[in-house]
Amino acid sequence: KTGVILLGTLYSATELAQLGMLSVVMIGIFVLGSVGVVLYMGKRMGAGNSMTAVLSAGMGVCGVSATVAASPVVNAKAGEIAYTIGTILVWGVGCMFLFPTVGHLLGMGPVQFGAWAGTGILNSAQVAGAALAFEPNGIETLKVAEIFNITRVLFLPIIVVWLAAWYVKHEAGAQRVALGEVLYSKFPLFVIGFLLMFLLSSTGMFTPAGHYQ
């Protein structure tokens, strides 16, 4: 997480404008689509409501951070949280080897691979690992991948509200929780650190004059 925060020093507003809207559209479709599919499949397969909800948050948004943030609003049990985190991290380990291999076979460029890895791999550290495996001697792929990953995390408040409403509707006797308190206490602080570093970087604090031009 410290590494992701420090990555914020490598971006500027000018640079981000080229990828920002693309990442919002792609991640928006991925996040909302993934959460919807898992909620639908969970009901079809007869999984418990809390298991279905916390798994949809982890698989749709940003892995461990989303799992932790969503668990209080859906009353997820410790075993369900562990199952979700285990699923995400085991899948991510495989992707760290699979994605770079496929990317090279398909002749992907840094932006193509970064967008794919940042969208398809959930855990921030594993996104970084896959990007650096694809481009070990540069950081362009890493920068693209982490922008997509950070964009996913920014959808977290929307998904937590959605899951809270879904859980109350589907779970008999479910109690409403204070969403503001949950988001305040569980929102990943490293994202805020990244954004602060990005804002400082946009002022030119970390780069020589004219660097981004």
C-alpha atoms as a PDB file:
ATOM      1  CA  LYS A   1       0.000   0.000   0.000  1.00  0.00           C
ATOM      2  CA  THR A   2       2.915   2.346   0.709  1.00  0.00           C
ATOM      3  CA  GLY A   3       4.190   1.600  -2.783  1.00  0.00           C
ATOM      4  CA  VAL A   4       0.828   2.489  -4.336  1.00  0.00           C
ATOM      5  CA  ILE A   5       0.784   5.783  -2.400  1.00  0.00           C
ATOM      6  CA  LEU A   6       4.249   6.658  -3.705  1.00  0.00           C
ATOM      7  CA  LEU A   7       3.159   5.827  -7.270  1.00  0.00           C
ATOM      8  CA  GLY A   8       0.987   8.939  -7.049  1.00  0.00           C
ATOM      9  CA  THR A   9       4.162  11.018  -7.451  1.00  0.00           C
ATOM     10  CA  LEU A  10       4.585   9.686 -11.011  1.00  0.00           C
ATOM     11  CA  TYR A  11       1.325  11.094 -12.420  1.00  0.00           C
ATOM     12  CA  SER A  12       0.085  14.521 -13.419  1.00  0.00           C
ATOM     13  CA  ALA A  13      -3.377  15.888 -14.243  1.00  0.00           C
ATOM     14  CA  THR A  14      -2.317  16.272 -17.877  1.00  0.00           C
ATOM     15  CA  GLU A  15      -1.277  12.642 -18.080  1.00  0.00           C
ATOM     16  CA  LEU A  16      -4.308  11.360 -16.209  1.00  0.00           C
ATOM     17  CA  ALA A  17      -6.696  13.145 -18.551  1.00  0.00           C
ATOM     18  CA  GLN A  18      -5.643  10.734 -21.305  1.00  0.00           C
ATOM     19  CA  LEU A  19      -6.653   7.618 -19.342  1.00  0.00           C
ATOM     20  CA  GLY A  20      -9.095   8.869 -16.722  1.00  0.00           C
ATOM     21  CA  MET A  21     -12.334   8.648 -18.688  1.00  0.00           C
ATOM     22  CA  LEU A  22     -11.347   5.338 -20.305  1.00  0.00           C
ATOM     23  CA  SER A  23     -10.659   3.819 -16.892  1.00  0.00           C
ATOM     24  CA  VAL A  24     -13.938   5.126 -15.443  1.00  0.00           C
ATOM     25  CA  VAL A  25     -15.986   3.636 -18.297  1.00  0.00           C
ATOM     26  CA  MET A  26     -14.197   0.276 -18.357  1.00  0.00           C
ATOM     27  CA  ILE A  27     -14.072  -0.148 -14.583  1.00  0.00           C
ATOM     28  CA  GLY A  28     -17.670   1.046 -14.219  1.00  0.00           C
ATOM     29  CA  ILE A  29     -18.883  -1.644 -16.605  1.00  0.00           C
ATOM     30  CA  PHE A  30     -16.655  -4.261 -14.966  1.00  0.00           C
ATOM     31  CA  VAL A  31     -17.558  -3.397 -11.369  1.00  0.00           C
ATOM     32  CA  LEU A  32     -21.301  -3.030 -11.800  1.00  0.00           C
ATOM     33  CA  GLY A  33     -21.473  -6.025 -14.130  1.00  0.00           C
ATOM     34  CA  SER A  34     -19.411  -8.280 -11.866  1.00  0.00           C
ATOM     35  CA  VAL A  35     -21.364  -7.397  -8.722  1.00  0.00           C
ATOM     36  CA  GLY A  36     -24.646  -7.968 -10.544  1.00  0.00           C
ATOM     37  CA  VAL A  37     -23.543 -11.337 -11.946  1.00  0.00           C
ATOM     38  CA  VAL A  38     -22.311 -12.629  -8.569  1.00  0.00           C
ATOM     39  CA  LEU A  39     -25.527 -11.527  -6.827  1.00  0.00           C
ATOM     40  CA  TYR A  40     -27.577 -13.284  -9.500  1.00  0.00           C
ATOM     41  CA  MET A  41     -25.483 -16.474  -9.473  1.00  0.00           C
ATOM     42  CA  GLY A  42     -25.394 -16.570  -5.673  1.00  0.00           C
ATOM     43  CA  LYS A  43     -29.184 -16.605  -5.519  1.00  0.00           C
ATOM     44  CA  ARG A  44     -29.397 -19.242  -8.263  1.00  0.00           C
ATOM     45  CA  MET A  45     -26.876 -21.479  -6.463  1.00  0.00           C
ATOM     46  CA  GLY A  46     -28.547 -21.093  -3.077  1.00  0.00           C
ATOM     47  CA  ALA A  47     -25.581 -19.437  -1.366  1.00  0.00           C
ATOM     48  CA  GLY A  48     -26.400 -17.426   1.746  1.00  0.00           C
ATOM     49  CA  ASN A  49     -27.161 -13.751   1.301  1.00  0.00           C
ATOM     50  CA  SER A  50     -24.177 -12.561   3.346  1.00  0.00           C
ATOM     51  CA  MET A  51     -21.808 -14.907   1.485  1.00  0.00           C
ATOM     52  CA  THR A  52     -23.157 -13.784  -1.874  1.00  0.00           C
ATOM     53  CA  ALA A  53     -22.957 -10.094  -0.989  1.00  0.00           C
ATOM     54  CA  VAL A  54     -19.432 -10.073   0.425  1.00  0.00           C
ATOM     55  CA  LEU A  55     -18.146 -12.211  -2.473  1.00  0.00           C
ATOM     56  CA  SER A  56     -19.735  -9.833  -4.987  1.00  0.00           C
ATOM     57  CA  ALA A  57     -17.984  -6.872  -3.340  1.00  0.00           C
ATOM     58  CA  GLY A  58     -14.601  -8.594  -3.337  1.00  0.00           C
ATOM     59  CA  MET A  59     -14.865  -9.910  -6.890  1.00  0.00           C
ATOM     60  CA  GLY A  60     -16.425  -6.787  -8.336  1.00  0.00           C
ATOM     61  CA  VAL A  61     -14.587  -3.900  -6.717  1.00  0.00           C
ATOM     62  CA  CYS A  62     -11.079  -4.228  -5.342  1.00  0.00           C
ATOM     63  CA  GLY A  63     -10.489  -7.486  -3.556  1.00  0.00           C
ATOM     64  CA  VAL A  64      -9.533  -7.403   0.105  1.00  0.00           C
ATOM     65  CA  SER A  65     -10.391  -3.742   0.754  1.00  0.00           C
ATOM     66  CA  ALA A  66     -13.899  -4.133  -0.641  1.00  0.00           C
ATOM     67  CA  THR A  67     -14.437  -7.376   1.265  1.00  0.00           C
ATOM     68  CA  VAL A  68     -13.527  -5.696   4.544  1.00  0.00           C
ATOM     69  CA  ALA A  69     -15.618  -2.595   3.788  1.00  0.00           C
ATOM     70  CA  ALA A  70     -18.733  -4.535   2.743  1.00  0.00           C
ATOM     71  CA  SER A  71     -18.678  -7.188   5.463  1.00  0.00           C
ATOM     72  CA  PRO A  72     -20.290  -5.057   8.249  1.00  0.00           C
ATOM     73  CA  VAL A  73     -23.258  -3.978   6.108  1.00  0.00           C
ATOM     74  CA  VAL A  74     -24.120  -7.580   5.123  1.00  0.00           C
ATOM     75  CA  ASN A  75     -23.273  -9.219   8.473  1.00  0.00           C
ATOM     76  CA  ALA A  76     -20.671 -11.461   6.856  1.00  0.00           C
ATOM     77  CA  LYS A  77     -19.214 -14.212   9.025  1.00  0.00           C
ATOM     78  CA  ALA A  78     -15.482 -14.675   9.528  1.00  0.00           C
ATOM     79  CA  GLY A  79     -15.493 -17.803   7.369  1.00  0.00           C
ATOM     80  CA  GLU A  80     -17.228 -15.992   4.519  1.00  0.00           C
ATOM     81  CA  ILE A  81     -14.718 -13.153   4.661  1.00  0.00           C
ATOM     82  CA  ALA A  82     -11.824 -15.618   4.660  1.00  0.00           C
ATOM     83  CA  TYR A  83     -13.332 -17.554   1.733  1.00  0.00           C
ATOM     84  CA  THR A  84     -13.696 -14.373  -0.307  1.00  0.00           C
ATOM     85  CA  ILE A  85     -10.187 -13.113   0.434  1.00  0.00           C
ATOM     86  CA  GLY A  86      -8.705 -16.550  -0.254  1.00  0.00           C
ATOM     87  CA  THR A  87     -10.506 -16.762  -3.596  1.00  0.00           C
ATOM     88  CA  ILE A  88      -9.279 -13.327  -4.647  1.00  0.00           C
ATOM     89  CA  LEU A  89      -5.645 -13.832  -3.639  1.00  0.00           C
ATOM     90  CA  VAL A  90      -5.304 -17.355  -5.068  1.00  0.00           C
ATOM     91  CA  TRP A  91      -6.771 -16.170  -8.373  1.00  0.00           C
ATOM     92  CA  GLY A  92      -4.435 -13.174  -8.314  1.00  0.00           C
ATOM     93  CA  VAL A  93      -1.334 -15.320  -7.815  1.00  0.00           C
ATOM     94  CA  GLY A  94      -2.228 -17.310 -10.916  1.00  0.00           C
ATOM     95  CA  CYS A  95      -2.904 -14.112 -12.876  1.00  0.00           C
ATOM     96  CA  MET A  96       0.526 -12.714 -12.002  1.00  0.00           C
ATOM     97  CA  PHE A  97       2.005 -15.534 -14.113  1.00  0.00           C
ATOM     98  CA  LEU A  98      -0.781 -15.936 -16.682  1.00  0.00           C
ATOM     99  CA  PHE A  99      -1.424 -12.314 -17.659  1.00  0.00           C
ATOM    100  CA  PRO A 100       2.160 -11.344 -18.660  1.00  0.00           C
ATOM    101  CA  THR A 101       2.533 -14.531 -20.699  1.00  0.00           C
ATOM    102  CA  VAL A 102      -0.714 -13.970 -22.584  1.00  0.00           C
ATOM    103  CA  GLY A 103       0.063 -10.272 -22.986  1.00  0.00           C
ATOM    104  CA  HIS A 104       3.365 -11.003 -24.707  1.00  0.00           C
ATOM    105  CA  LEU A 105       1.815 -13.729 -26.885  1.00  0.00           C
ATOM    106  CA  LEU A 106      -0.832 -11.275 -28.088  1.00  0.00           C
ATOM    107  CA  GLY A 107       1.699  -8.500 -28.625  1.00  0.00           C
ATOM    108  CA  MET A 108      -0.002  -6.082 -26.246  1.00  0.00           C
ATOM    109  CA  GLY A 109       1.426  -2.639 -25.625  1.00  0.00           C
ATOM    110  CA  PRO A 110       1.811  -1.007 -22.195  1.00  0.00           C
ATOM    111  CA  VAL A 111      -1.582   0.742 -22.296  1.00  0.00           C
ATOM    112  CA  GLN A 112      -3.413  -2.369 -23.519  1.00  0.00           C
ATOM    113  CA  PHE A 113      -1.836  -4.638 -20.933  1.00  0.00           C
ATOM    114  CA  GLY A 114      -2.094  -2.098 -18.133  1.00  0.00           C
ATOM    115  CA  ALA A 115      -5.802  -1.616 -18.780  1.00  0.00           C
ATOM    116  CA  TRP A 116      -6.371  -5.378 -18.934  1.00  0.00           C
ATOM    117  CA  ALA A 117      -4.382  -6.187 -15.789  1.00  0.00           C
ATOM    118  CA  GLY A 118      -5.788  -3.236 -13.855  1.00  0.00           C
ATOM    119  CA  THR A 119      -9.302  -4.364 -14.713  1.00  0.00           C
ATOM    120  CA  GLY A 120      -8.927  -8.129 -14.485  1.00  0.00           C
ATOM    121  CA  ILE A 121      -6.741  -8.515 -11.377  1.00  0.00           C
ATOM    122  CA  LEU A 122      -8.285  -7.343  -8.113  1.00  0.00           C
ATOM    123  CA  ASN A 123      -5.511  -6.960  -5.531  1.00  0.00           C
ATOM    124  CA  SER A 124      -3.379  -3.806  -5.894  1.00  0.00           C
ATOM    125  CA  ALA A 125      -0.079  -5.534  -5.133  1.00  0.00           C
ATOM    126  CA  GLN A 126      -0.823  -8.338  -7.609  1.00  0.00           C
ATOM    127  CA  VAL A 127      -1.748  -5.788 -10.281  1.00  0.00           C
ATOM    128  CA  ALA A 128       1.640  -4.168  -9.739  1.00  0.00           C
ATOM    129  CA  GLY A 129       3.383  -7.554  -9.832  1.00  0.00           C
ATOM    130  CA  ALA A 130       1.789  -8.515 -13.155  1.00  0.00           C
ATOM    131  CA  ALA A 131       2.568  -5.113 -14.692  1.00  0.00           C
ATOM    132  CA  LEU A 132       6.228  -5.255 -13.641  1.00  0.00           C
ATOM    133  CA  ALA A 133       6.524  -8.832 -14.905  1.00  0.00           C
ATOM    134  CA  PHE A 134       5.204  -7.652 -18.269  1.00  0.00           C
ATOM    135  CA  GLU A 135       7.537  -4.649 -18.394  1.00  0.00           C
ATOM    136  CA  PRO A 136      10.415  -5.275 -15.951  1.00  0.00           C
ATOM    137  CA  ASN A 137      12.587  -2.424 -17.251  1.00  0.00           C
ATOM    138  CA  GLY A 138      10.045   0.394 -17.243  1.00  0.00           C
ATOM    139  CA  ILE A 139       7.034   1.800 -15.423  1.00  0.00           C
ATOM    140  CA  GLU A 140       4.592   2.788 -18.178  1.00  0.00           C
ATOM    141  CA  THR A 141       2.581  -0.430 -17.854  1.00  0.00           C
ATOM    142  CA  LEU A 142       2.615  -0.147 -14.064  1.00  0.00           C
ATOM    143  CA  LYS A 143       1.276   3.411 -14.178  1.00  0.00           C
ATOM    144  CA  VAL A 144      -1.600   2.483 -16.477  1.00  0.00           C
ATOM    145  CA  ALA A 145      -2.479  -0.637 -14.483  1.00  0.00           C
ATOM    146  CA  GLU A 146      -2.600   1.172 -11.152  1.00  0.00           C
ATOM    147  CA  ILE A 147      -4.782   3.977 -12.521  1.00  0.00           C
ATOM    148  CA  PHE A 148      -7.363   1.361 -13.465  1.00  0.00           C
ATOM    149  CA  ASN A 149      -6.983  -0.304 -10.082  1.00  0.00           C
ATOM    150  CA  ILE A 150      -7.411   2.964  -8.152  1.00  0.00           C
ATOM    151  CA  THR A 151     -10.465   3.827 -10.266  1.00  0.00           C
ATOM    152  CA  ARG A 152     -12.050   0.556  -9.171  1.00  0.00           C
ATOM    153  CA  VAL A 153     -11.555   1.419  -5.502  1.00  0.00           C
ATOM    154  CA  LEU A 154     -13.333   4.749  -6.032  1.00  0.00           C
ATOM    155  CA  PHE A 155     -16.502   2.800  -6.889  1.00  0.00           C
ATOM    156  CA  LEU A 156     -16.463   1.251  -3.414  1.00  0.00           C
ATOM    157  CA  PRO A 157     -18.936   3.647  -1.719  1.00  0.00           C
ATOM    158  CA  ILE A 158     -21.509   3.057  -4.475  1.00  0.00           C
ATOM    159  CA  ILE A 159     -21.220  -0.716  -4.155  1.00  0.00           C
ATOM    160  CA  VAL A 160     -21.423  -0.694  -0.349  1.00  0.00           C
ATOM    161  CA  VAL A 161     -24.673   1.292  -0.524  1.00  0.00           C
ATOM    162  CA  TRP A 162     -26.016  -1.075  -3.203  1.00  0.00           C
ATOM    163  CA  LEU A 163     -25.162  -4.172  -1.166  1.00  0.00           C
ATOM    164  CA  ALA A 164     -26.623  -2.709   2.022  1.00  0.00           C
ATOM    165  CA  ALA A 165     -29.942  -2.104   0.250  1.00  0.00           C
ATOM    166  CA  TRP A 166     -29.813  -5.526  -1.426  1.00  0.00           C
ATOM    167  CA  TYR A 167     -29.103  -7.321   1.844  1.00  0.00           C
ATOM    168  CA  VAL A 168     -31.875  -5.593   3.780  1.00  0.00           C
ATOM    169  CA  LYS A 169     -34.303  -6.486   0.977  1.00  0.00           C
ATOM    170  CA  HIS A 170     -33.343 -10.165   0.737  1.00  0.00           C
ATOM    171  CA  GLU A 171     -32.404 -11.104   4.306  1.00  0.00           C
ATOM    172  CA  ALA A 172     -35.304 -11.578   6.723  1.00  0.00           C
ATOM    173  CA  GLY A 173     -34.814  -9.546   9.886  1.00  0.00           C
ATOM    174  CA  ALA A 174     -31.732  -7.721   8.574  1.00  0.00           C
ATOM    175  CA  GLN A 175     -30.929  -4.530  10.483  1.00  0.00           C
ATOM    176  CA  ARG A 176     -29.919  -1.333   8.727  1.00  0.00           C
ATOM    177  CA  VAL A 177     -26.444  -0.051   9.550  1.00  0.00           C
ATOM    178  CA  ALA A 178     -24.884   3.418   9.533  1.00  0.00           C
ATOM    179  CA  LEU A 179     -23.356   3.466   6.053  1.00  0.00           C
ATOM    180  CA  GLY A 180     -21.459   6.688   6.680  1.00  0.00           C
ATOM    181  CA  GLU A 181     -19.662   5.223   9.673  1.00  0.00           C
ATOM    182  CA  VAL A 182     -18.785   2.046   7.781  1.00  0.00           C
ATOM    183  CA  LEU A 183     -17.365   3.943   4.800  1.00  0.00           C
ATOM    184  CA  TYR A 184     -15.433   6.318   7.053  1.00  0.00           C
ATOM    185  CA  SER A 185     -13.849   3.512   9.060  1.00  0.00           C
ATOM    186  CA  LYS A 186     -13.286   1.006   6.252  1.00  0.00           C
ATOM    187  CA  PHE A 187     -12.442   3.070   3.146  1.00  0.00           C
ATOM    188  CA  PRO A 188      -8.858   2.211   2.062  1.00  0.00           C
ATOM    189  CA  LEU A 189      -6.611   5.022   3.300  1.00  0.00           C
ATOM    190  CA  PHE A 190      -3.913   4.230   0.742  1.00  0.00           C
ATOM    191  CA  VAL A 191      -6.228   5.529  -2.002  1.00  0.00           C
ATOM    192  CA  ILE A 192      -6.454   8.901  -0.245  1.00  0.00           C
ATOM    193  CA  GLY A 193      -2.660   8.918   0.078  1.00  0.00           C
ATOM    194  CA  PHE A 194      -2.313   8.179  -3.645  1.00  0.00           C
ATOM    195  CA  LEU A 195      -4.671  11.050  -4.526  1.00  0.00           C
ATOM    196  CA  LEU A 196      -2.795  13.482  -2.281  1.00  0.00           C
ATOM    197  CA  MET A 197       0.521  12.537  -3.881  1.00  0.00           C
ATOM    198  CA  PHE A 198      -1.077  12.906  -7.311  1.00  0.00           C
ATOM    199  CA  LEU A 199      -2.268  16.417  -6.464  1.00  0.00           C
ATOM    200  CA  LEU A 200       1.201  17.399  -5.259  1.00  0.00           C
ATOM    201  CA  SER A 201       2.750  15.868  -8.378  1.00  0.00           C
ATOM    202  CA  SER A 202       0.405  17.875 -10.601  1.00  0.00           C
ATOM    203  CA  THR A 203       1.906  21.065  -9.144  1.00  0.00           C
ATOM    204  CA  GLY A 204       5.330  19.966 -10.388  1.00  0.00           C
ATOM    205  CA  MET A 205       6.703  19.306  -6.903  1.00  0.00           C
ATOM    206  CA  PHE A 206       8.346  15.988  -7.847  1.00  0.00           C
ATOM    207  CA  THR A 207       9.409  16.669 -11.457  1.00  0.00           C
ATOM    208  CA  PRO A 208      11.743  19.014 -13.349  1.00  0.00           C
ATOM    209  CA  ALA A 209      10.149  22.002 -15.097  1.00  0.00           C
ATOM    210  CA  GLY A 210       8.350  21.135 -18.334  1.00  0.00           C
ATOM    211  CA  HIS A 211       8.583  17.400 -17.702  1.00  0.00           C
ATOM    212  CA  TYR A 212       4.936  16.597 -18.518  1.00  0.00           C
ATOM    213  CA  GLN A 213       4.860  18.809 -21.607  1.00  0.00           C
END
